[in-house]
């Protein structure tokens, strides 16, 4: 029961990585507050549905989680969106959605969570960046930019708040076999199973990541096992470079 007595807030809790992470946190003893547009069907101690594009909602999430759970030790900013295309193919809606979910919401949640954690002696925040934010790839201009932004913000916050006992790190996946990835293939006319299999052939380990592969790294960064890891950007890519 590695997380016994710990309270955690997870955004994007209804997604592939989110549902796996919530299940594993609870199995390890944590009390969990889940946040997503819809949280029906997710087993958790507190349900906080809403729209991360709403600044009022994002600003209030950490305190609402702390109130519901009796504290806040862990925050995982797991929610994210992927918009594809070059800048010339990017709409204002794509721009606003990408910045709102991938950058502004985590910023607001971290800003609100840090004082709560500091008042209670510390905590751990894990943000979801991407390999594509560390080394930009083609035809994902705005996505790469937002993930670079959250990676840089993570490093800055990691330095700024370490003295308060708050460790802030980011996990940086490459492709993950989630409903979001599969729906993207389907929208472009590809069979998701075939596309995922072909994509796996480009990975040195022989497959793309499963949600469990990413959730396990998030759990490590949230746990005492990573007690000396702070401001880190941890790539989880199966050995595959961005291409």
C-alpha atoms as a PDB file:
ATOM      1  CA  UNK A   1       0.000   0.000   0.000  1.00  0.00           C
ATOM      2  CA  UNK A   2       2.598   2.474  -1.207  1.00  0.00           C
ATOM      3  CA  UNK A   3       0.158   5.399  -1.267  1.00  0.00           C
ATOM      4  CA  UNK A   4      -1.761   4.628   1.923  1.00  0.00           C
ATOM      5  CA  UNK A   5      -2.921   7.864   3.535  1.00  0.00           C
ATOM      6  CA  UNK A   6      -2.215   9.900   0.387  1.00  0.00           C
ATOM      7  CA  UNK A   7      -4.753  12.001  -1.496  1.00  0.00           C
ATOM      8  CA  UNK A   8      -4.468  12.502  -5.248  1.00  0.00           C
ATOM      9  CA  UNK A   9      -6.112  14.598  -7.960  1.00  0.00           C
ATOM     10  CA  UNK A  10      -6.013  13.181 -11.504  1.00  0.00           C
ATOM     11  CA  UNK A  11      -7.178  15.130 -14.547  1.00  0.00           C
ATOM     12  CA  UNK A  12      -8.068  13.407 -17.798  1.00  0.00           C
ATOM     13  CA  UNK A  13      -9.276  10.574 -15.572  1.00  0.00           C
ATOM     14  CA  UNK A  14     -11.631   9.123 -18.165  1.00  0.00           C
ATOM     15  CA  UNK A  15      -8.906   8.587 -20.771  1.00  0.00           C
ATOM     16  CA  UNK A  16      -6.786   5.516 -21.395  1.00  0.00           C
ATOM     17  CA  UNK A  17      -3.875   6.514 -19.163  1.00  0.00           C
ATOM     18  CA  UNK A  18      -6.146   8.240 -16.656  1.00  0.00           C
ATOM     19  CA  UNK A  19      -8.381   5.259 -15.909  1.00  0.00           C
ATOM     20  CA  UNK A  20      -5.365   2.996 -15.490  1.00  0.00           C
ATOM     21  CA  UNK A  21      -3.641   5.496 -13.224  1.00  0.00           C
ATOM     22  CA  UNK A  22      -6.688   6.008 -11.017  1.00  0.00           C
ATOM     23  CA  UNK A  23      -7.155   2.265 -10.624  1.00  0.00           C
ATOM     24  CA  UNK A  24      -3.510   1.738  -9.668  1.00  0.00           C
ATOM     25  CA  UNK A  25      -3.402   4.668  -7.246  1.00  0.00           C
ATOM     26  CA  UNK A  26      -6.451   3.365  -5.417  1.00  0.00           C
ATOM     27  CA  UNK A  27      -5.097  -0.187  -5.387  1.00  0.00           C
ATOM     28  CA  UNK A  28      -1.965   1.191  -3.718  1.00  0.00           C
ATOM     29  CA  UNK A  29      -4.008   2.850  -0.983  1.00  0.00           C
ATOM     30  CA  UNK A  30      -4.562   6.405  -2.235  1.00  0.00           C
ATOM     31  CA  UNK A  31      -7.796   8.323  -2.085  1.00  0.00           C
ATOM     32  CA  UNK A  32      -8.422   9.818  -5.504  1.00  0.00           C
ATOM     33  CA  UNK A  33     -10.400  12.764  -6.885  1.00  0.00           C
ATOM     34  CA  UNK A  34     -11.071  12.417 -10.603  1.00  0.00           C
ATOM     35  CA  UNK A  35     -11.535  15.280 -13.041  1.00  0.00           C
ATOM     36  CA  UNK A  36     -12.727  15.095 -16.635  1.00  0.00           C
ATOM     37  CA  UNK A  37     -15.649  16.315 -18.688  1.00  0.00           C
ATOM     38  CA  UNK A  38     -17.527  13.172 -17.652  1.00  0.00           C
ATOM     39  CA  UNK A  39     -16.479  11.001 -14.726  1.00  0.00           C
ATOM     40  CA  UNK A  40     -19.406   8.560 -14.693  1.00  0.00           C
ATOM     41  CA  UNK A  41     -18.323   4.992 -14.213  1.00  0.00           C
ATOM     42  CA  UNK A  42     -14.924   5.816 -12.719  1.00  0.00           C
ATOM     43  CA  UNK A  43     -14.445   4.332  -9.266  1.00  0.00           C
ATOM     44  CA  UNK A  44     -13.022   7.086  -7.073  1.00  0.00           C
ATOM     45  CA  UNK A  45     -13.504   8.802  -3.732  1.00  0.00           C
ATOM     46  CA  UNK A  46     -14.483  12.135  -5.322  1.00  0.00           C
ATOM     47  CA  UNK A  47     -15.859  13.082  -8.727  1.00  0.00           C
ATOM     48  CA  UNK A  48     -15.157  16.612  -9.959  1.00  0.00           C
ATOM     49  CA  UNK A  49     -16.442  16.791 -13.556  1.00  0.00           C
ATOM     50  CA  UNK A  50     -16.010  19.940 -15.587  1.00  0.00           C
ATOM     51  CA  UNK A  51     -14.343  21.678 -18.503  1.00  0.00           C
ATOM     52  CA  UNK A  52     -10.638  22.454 -18.140  1.00  0.00           C
ATOM     53  CA  UNK A  53     -11.088  25.301 -20.621  1.00  0.00           C
ATOM     54  CA  UNK A  54     -13.093  27.078 -17.920  1.00  0.00           C
ATOM     55  CA  UNK A  55     -10.552  29.048 -15.847  1.00  0.00           C
ATOM     56  CA  UNK A  56     -12.817  29.117 -12.813  1.00  0.00           C
ATOM     57  CA  UNK A  57     -13.107  25.335 -12.834  1.00  0.00           C
ATOM     58  CA  UNK A  58      -9.356  24.783 -13.247  1.00  0.00           C
ATOM     59  CA  UNK A  59      -8.466  27.328 -10.571  1.00  0.00           C
ATOM     60  CA  UNK A  60     -10.776  25.673  -8.048  1.00  0.00           C
ATOM     61  CA  UNK A  61      -9.911  22.008  -8.690  1.00  0.00           C
ATOM     62  CA  UNK A  62      -7.066  21.557  -6.176  1.00  0.00           C
ATOM     63  CA  UNK A  63      -8.999  23.087  -3.282  1.00  0.00           C
ATOM     64  CA  UNK A  64     -12.118  21.119  -4.175  1.00  0.00           C
ATOM     65  CA  UNK A  65     -10.058  17.934  -4.225  1.00  0.00           C
ATOM     66  CA  UNK A  66      -8.419  18.805  -0.901  1.00  0.00           C
ATOM     67  CA  UNK A  67     -11.802  19.534   0.658  1.00  0.00           C
ATOM     68  CA  UNK A  68     -13.297  16.292  -0.627  1.00  0.00           C
ATOM     69  CA  UNK A  69     -10.362  14.085   0.370  1.00  0.00           C
ATOM     70  CA  UNK A  70      -9.150  15.837   3.500  1.00  0.00           C
ATOM     71  CA  UNK A  71      -5.847  16.871   1.913  1.00  0.00           C
ATOM     72  CA  UNK A  72      -3.859  16.944  -1.299  1.00  0.00           C
ATOM     73  CA  UNK A  73      -0.536  15.138  -1.645  1.00  0.00           C
ATOM     74  CA  UNK A  74      -0.411  14.305  -5.355  1.00  0.00           C
ATOM     75  CA  UNK A  75      -1.572  16.090  -8.498  1.00  0.00           C
ATOM     76  CA  UNK A  76      -1.350  14.485 -11.934  1.00  0.00           C
ATOM     77  CA  UNK A  77      -2.053  16.831 -14.822  1.00  0.00           C
ATOM     78  CA  UNK A  78      -2.812  14.008 -17.229  1.00  0.00           C
ATOM     79  CA  UNK A  79      -5.419  15.639 -19.486  1.00  0.00           C
ATOM     80  CA  UNK A  80      -4.248  16.493 -22.985  1.00  0.00           C
ATOM     81  CA  UNK A  81      -5.309  16.964 -26.589  1.00  0.00           C
ATOM     82  CA  UNK A  82      -3.514  16.403 -29.883  1.00  0.00           C
ATOM     83  CA  UNK A  83      -4.042  18.698 -32.849  1.00  0.00           C
ATOM     84  CA  UNK A  84      -2.278  17.760 -36.066  1.00  0.00           C
ATOM     85  CA  UNK A  85      -0.961  19.813 -38.942  1.00  0.00           C
ATOM     86  CA  UNK A  86       1.395  22.631 -39.804  1.00  0.00           C
ATOM     87  CA  UNK A  87       0.746  26.150 -38.547  1.00  0.00           C
ATOM     88  CA  UNK A  88      -0.927  27.034 -41.845  1.00  0.00           C
ATOM     89  CA  UNK A  89      -3.426  24.221 -41.256  1.00  0.00           C
ATOM     90  CA  UNK A  90      -4.169  25.183 -37.646  1.00  0.00           C
ATOM     91  CA  UNK A  91      -7.471  26.891 -36.870  1.00  0.00           C
ATOM     92  CA  UNK A  92      -8.086  29.378 -34.101  1.00  0.00           C
ATOM     93  CA  UNK A  93     -10.183  26.699 -32.416  1.00  0.00           C
ATOM     94  CA  UNK A  94      -7.294  24.206 -32.546  1.00  0.00           C
ATOM     95  CA  UNK A  95      -4.962  26.840 -31.117  1.00  0.00           C
ATOM     96  CA  UNK A  96      -7.270  27.749 -28.236  1.00  0.00           C
ATOM     97  CA  UNK A  97      -8.074  24.128 -27.400  1.00  0.00           C
ATOM     98  CA  UNK A  98      -4.424  23.033 -27.414  1.00  0.00           C
ATOM     99  CA  UNK A  99      -3.142  25.890 -25.297  1.00  0.00           C
ATOM    100  CA  UNK A 100      -6.129  25.728 -22.978  1.00  0.00           C
ATOM    101  CA  UNK A 101      -5.922  22.028 -22.144  1.00  0.00           C
ATOM    102  CA  UNK A 102      -2.186  21.341 -22.541  1.00  0.00           C
ATOM    103  CA  UNK A 103      -0.752  24.498 -20.990  1.00  0.00           C
ATOM    104  CA  UNK A 104      -3.188  26.877 -19.298  1.00  0.00           C
ATOM    105  CA  UNK A 105      -5.108  24.274 -17.292  1.00  0.00           C
ATOM    106  CA  UNK A 106      -1.970  22.634 -15.827  1.00  0.00           C
ATOM    107  CA  UNK A 107      -0.587  26.094 -15.067  1.00  0.00           C
ATOM    108  CA  UNK A 108      -3.747  27.074 -13.200  1.00  0.00           C
ATOM    109  CA  UNK A 109      -3.951  23.763 -11.340  1.00  0.00           C
ATOM    110  CA  UNK A 110      -0.286  23.901 -10.300  1.00  0.00           C
ATOM    111  CA  UNK A 111      -0.631  27.516  -9.214  1.00  0.00           C
ATOM    112  CA  UNK A 112      -3.560  26.602  -6.971  1.00  0.00           C
ATOM    113  CA  UNK A 113      -2.144  23.292  -5.706  1.00  0.00           C
ATOM    114  CA  UNK A 114       1.320  24.476  -4.676  1.00  0.00           C
ATOM    115  CA  UNK A 115       0.182  26.643  -1.726  1.00  0.00           C
ATOM    116  CA  UNK A 116      -2.061  23.825  -0.473  1.00  0.00           C
ATOM    117  CA  UNK A 117       0.806  21.348  -0.602  1.00  0.00           C
ATOM    118  CA  UNK A 118       3.304  23.788   0.888  1.00  0.00           C
ATOM    119  CA  UNK A 119       1.042  24.422   3.870  1.00  0.00           C
ATOM    120  CA  UNK A 120       1.023  20.683   4.569  1.00  0.00           C
ATOM    121  CA  UNK A 121       4.741  20.046   4.201  1.00  0.00           C
ATOM    122  CA  UNK A 122       5.029  19.172   0.536  1.00  0.00           C
ATOM    123  CA  UNK A 123       3.735  16.897  -2.198  1.00  0.00           C
ATOM    124  CA  UNK A 124       4.301  15.678  -5.729  1.00  0.00           C
ATOM    125  CA  UNK A 125       3.029  17.039  -9.037  1.00  0.00           C
ATOM    126  CA  UNK A 126       3.394  15.084 -12.270  1.00  0.00           C
ATOM    127  CA  UNK A 127       2.665  16.789 -15.574  1.00  0.00           C
ATOM    128  CA  UNK A 128       2.246  15.016 -18.897  1.00  0.00           C
ATOM    129  CA  UNK A 129       4.563  16.468 -21.520  1.00  0.00           C
ATOM    130  CA  UNK A 130       5.759  14.510 -24.572  1.00  0.00           C
ATOM    131  CA  UNK A 131       8.871  13.437 -26.437  1.00  0.00           C
ATOM    132  CA  UNK A 132       7.432  15.646 -29.167  1.00  0.00           C
ATOM    133  CA  UNK A 133       7.862  18.676 -26.929  1.00  0.00           C
ATOM    134  CA  UNK A 134      11.529  17.894 -26.374  1.00  0.00           C
ATOM    135  CA  UNK A 135      12.372  17.195 -30.021  1.00  0.00           C
ATOM    136  CA  UNK A 136       9.701  18.538 -32.384  1.00  0.00           C
ATOM    137  CA  UNK A 137       8.363  16.256 -35.082  1.00  0.00           C
ATOM    138  CA  UNK A 138       6.649  17.078 -38.366  1.00  0.00           C
ATOM    139  CA  UNK A 139       3.044  18.178 -38.871  1.00  0.00           C
ATOM    140  CA  UNK A 140       2.206  18.708 -35.186  1.00  0.00           C
ATOM    141  CA  UNK A 141       3.332  22.301 -34.769  1.00  0.00           C
ATOM    142  CA  UNK A 142       0.948  23.488 -32.069  1.00  0.00           C
ATOM    143  CA  UNK A 143       0.978  20.167 -30.205  1.00  0.00           C
ATOM    144  CA  UNK A 144       4.781  20.197 -30.064  1.00  0.00           C
ATOM    145  CA  UNK A 145       4.775  23.808 -28.923  1.00  0.00           C
ATOM    146  CA  UNK A 146       2.333  23.171 -26.064  1.00  0.00           C
ATOM    147  CA  UNK A 147       4.240  20.130 -24.861  1.00  0.00           C
ATOM    148  CA  UNK A 148       7.498  22.087 -24.977  1.00  0.00           C
ATOM    149  CA  UNK A 149       5.797  24.769 -22.896  1.00  0.00           C
ATOM    150  CA  UNK A 150       4.607  22.379 -20.195  1.00  0.00           C
ATOM    151  CA  UNK A 151       8.022  20.707 -20.132  1.00  0.00           C
ATOM    152  CA  UNK A 152       9.755  24.043 -19.565  1.00  0.00           C
ATOM    153  CA  UNK A 153       7.175  25.117 -16.993  1.00  0.00           C
ATOM    154  CA  UNK A 154       7.741  21.846 -15.140  1.00  0.00           C
ATOM    155  CA  UNK A 155      11.491  22.429 -14.958  1.00  0.00           C
ATOM    156  CA  UNK A 156      11.018  25.991 -13.730  1.00  0.00           C
ATOM    157  CA  UNK A 157       8.472  25.021 -11.083  1.00  0.00           C
ATOM    158  CA  UNK A 158      10.651  22.106 -10.031  1.00  0.00           C
ATOM    159  CA  UNK A 159      13.434  24.533  -9.126  1.00  0.00           C
ATOM    160  CA  UNK A 160      11.195  27.215  -7.661  1.00  0.00           C
ATOM    161  CA  UNK A 161       9.238  25.011  -5.264  1.00  0.00           C
ATOM    162  CA  UNK A 162      11.668  22.275  -4.254  1.00  0.00           C
ATOM    163  CA  UNK A 163      12.476  24.195  -1.071  1.00  0.00           C
ATOM    164  CA  UNK A 164       8.822  23.789  -0.071  1.00  0.00           C
ATOM    165  CA  UNK A 165       9.061  20.021  -0.244  1.00  0.00           C
ATOM    166  CA  UNK A 166       7.161  19.880  -3.530  1.00  0.00           C
ATOM    167  CA  UNK A 167       8.608  17.734  -6.285  1.00  0.00           C
ATOM    168  CA  UNK A 168       7.383  18.678  -9.762  1.00  0.00           C
ATOM    169  CA  UNK A 169       8.285  16.430 -12.687  1.00  0.00           C
ATOM    170  CA  UNK A 170       6.928  15.439 -16.093  1.00  0.00           C
ATOM    171  CA  UNK A 171       6.486  12.192 -17.945  1.00  0.00           C
ATOM    172  CA  UNK A 172       7.233  12.441 -21.682  1.00  0.00           C
ATOM    173  CA  UNK A 173       5.633   9.599 -23.669  1.00  0.00           C
ATOM    174  CA  UNK A 174       5.775   8.880 -27.363  1.00  0.00           C
ATOM    175  CA  UNK A 175       2.791   7.100 -28.949  1.00  0.00           C
ATOM    176  CA  UNK A 176       0.452   5.327 -26.511  1.00  0.00           C
ATOM    177  CA  UNK A 177      -2.276   2.823 -27.368  1.00  0.00           C
ATOM    178  CA  UNK A 178      -5.206   4.861 -26.050  1.00  0.00           C
ATOM    179  CA  UNK A 179      -8.731   5.538 -27.321  1.00  0.00           C
ATOM    180  CA  UNK A 180      -7.532   9.017 -28.346  1.00  0.00           C
ATOM    181  CA  UNK A 181      -4.816   7.562 -30.589  1.00  0.00           C
ATOM    182  CA  UNK A 182      -7.171   4.984 -32.046  1.00  0.00           C
ATOM    183  CA  UNK A 183      -9.926   7.499 -32.769  1.00  0.00           C
ATOM    184  CA  UNK A 184      -7.363   9.669 -34.535  1.00  0.00           C
ATOM    185  CA  UNK A 185      -6.494   6.783 -36.847  1.00  0.00           C
ATOM    186  CA  UNK A 186     -10.171   6.084 -37.482  1.00  0.00           C
ATOM    187  CA  UNK A 187     -10.883   9.720 -38.348  1.00  0.00           C
ATOM    188  CA  UNK A 188      -8.138   9.563 -40.963  1.00  0.00           C
ATOM    189  CA  UNK A 189      -9.595   6.409 -42.501  1.00  0.00           C
ATOM    190  CA  UNK A 190      -7.186   3.856 -41.043  1.00  0.00           C
ATOM    191  CA  UNK A 191      -8.065   0.630 -39.265  1.00  0.00           C
ATOM    192  CA  UNK A 192      -6.895   1.296 -35.690  1.00  0.00           C
ATOM    193  CA  UNK A 193      -5.642  -2.246 -35.029  1.00  0.00           C
ATOM    194  CA  UNK A 194      -3.608  -2.328 -38.231  1.00  0.00           C
ATOM    195  CA  UNK A 195      -2.274   1.188 -37.699  1.00  0.00           C
ATOM    196  CA  UNK A 196      -1.221   0.477 -34.106  1.00  0.00           C
ATOM    197  CA  UNK A 197       0.541  -2.716 -35.193  1.00  0.00           C
ATOM    198  CA  UNK A 198       2.427  -0.931 -37.979  1.00  0.00           C
ATOM    199  CA  UNK A 199       3.365   1.882 -35.623  1.00  0.00           C
ATOM    200  CA  UNK A 200       4.731  -0.682 -33.193  1.00  0.00           C
ATOM    201  CA  UNK A 201       7.135  -1.896 -35.867  1.00  0.00           C
ATOM    202  CA  UNK A 202       8.861   1.501 -35.735  1.00  0.00           C
ATOM    203  CA  UNK A 203       9.652   1.131 -32.019  1.00  0.00           C
ATOM    204  CA  UNK A 204      12.901  -0.581 -30.978  1.00  0.00           C
ATOM    205  CA  UNK A 205      11.068  -2.436 -28.195  1.00  0.00           C
ATOM    206  CA  UNK A 206       8.647  -3.761 -30.822  1.00  0.00           C
ATOM    207  CA  UNK A 207       5.392  -2.117 -29.743  1.00  0.00           C
ATOM    208  CA  UNK A 208       3.967   1.242 -28.822  1.00  0.00           C
ATOM    209  CA  UNK A 209       3.287   1.963 -25.170  1.00  0.00           C
ATOM    210  CA  UNK A 210       0.224   0.689 -23.370  1.00  0.00           C
ATOM    211  CA  UNK A 211      -1.445   2.962 -20.773  1.00  0.00           C
ATOM    212  CA  UNK A 212       0.059   0.831 -17.988  1.00  0.00           C
ATOM    213  CA  UNK A 213       3.570   1.629 -19.214  1.00  0.00           C
ATOM    214  CA  UNK A 214       2.980   5.344 -18.702  1.00  0.00           C
ATOM    215  CA  UNK A 215       0.920   5.009 -15.520  1.00  0.00           C
ATOM    216  CA  UNK A 216       3.719   3.049 -13.846  1.00  0.00           C
ATOM    217  CA  UNK A 217       6.190   5.862 -14.508  1.00  0.00           C
ATOM    218  CA  UNK A 218       3.729   8.440 -13.187  1.00  0.00           C
ATOM    219  CA  UNK A 219       3.330   6.351 -10.041  1.00  0.00           C
ATOM    220  CA  UNK A 220       7.108   6.272  -9.650  1.00  0.00           C
ATOM    221  CA  UNK A 221       7.330  10.063  -9.958  1.00  0.00           C
ATOM    222  CA  UNK A 222       4.513  10.493  -7.433  1.00  0.00           C
ATOM    223  CA  UNK A 223       6.040   8.063  -4.931  1.00  0.00           C
ATOM    224  CA  UNK A 224       8.795   8.233  -2.363  1.00  0.00           C
ATOM    225  CA  UNK A 225      10.888   6.029  -4.658  1.00  0.00           C
ATOM    226  CA  UNK A 226      11.600   9.211  -6.652  1.00  0.00           C
ATOM    227  CA  UNK A 227      12.240  11.328  -3.576  1.00  0.00           C
ATOM    228  CA  UNK A 228      15.362  12.919  -5.133  1.00  0.00           C
ATOM    229  CA  UNK A 229      13.849  13.473  -8.584  1.00  0.00           C
ATOM    230  CA  UNK A 230      12.783  17.068  -9.093  1.00  0.00           C
ATOM    231  CA  UNK A 231      12.275  19.162 -12.235  1.00  0.00           C
ATOM    232  CA  UNK A 232      12.916  16.106 -14.405  1.00  0.00           C
ATOM    233  CA  UNK A 233      11.523  15.303 -17.839  1.00  0.00           C
ATOM    234  CA  UNK A 234      11.368  11.528 -17.993  1.00  0.00           C
ATOM    235  CA  UNK A 235      11.029  10.055 -21.487  1.00  0.00           C
ATOM    236  CA  UNK A 236       9.049   6.843 -21.884  1.00  0.00           C
ATOM    237  CA  UNK A 237       9.392   6.015 -25.561  1.00  0.00           C
ATOM    238  CA  UNK A 238      10.480   2.386 -26.017  1.00  0.00           C
ATOM    239  CA  UNK A 239      13.698   3.673 -27.548  1.00  0.00           C
ATOM    240  CA  UNK A 240      11.920   5.361 -30.454  1.00  0.00           C
ATOM    241  CA  UNK A 241      13.118   8.839 -31.453  1.00  0.00           C
ATOM    242  CA  UNK A 242      10.663  11.480 -32.617  1.00  0.00           C
ATOM    243  CA  UNK A 243      10.238  11.226 -36.368  1.00  0.00           C
END
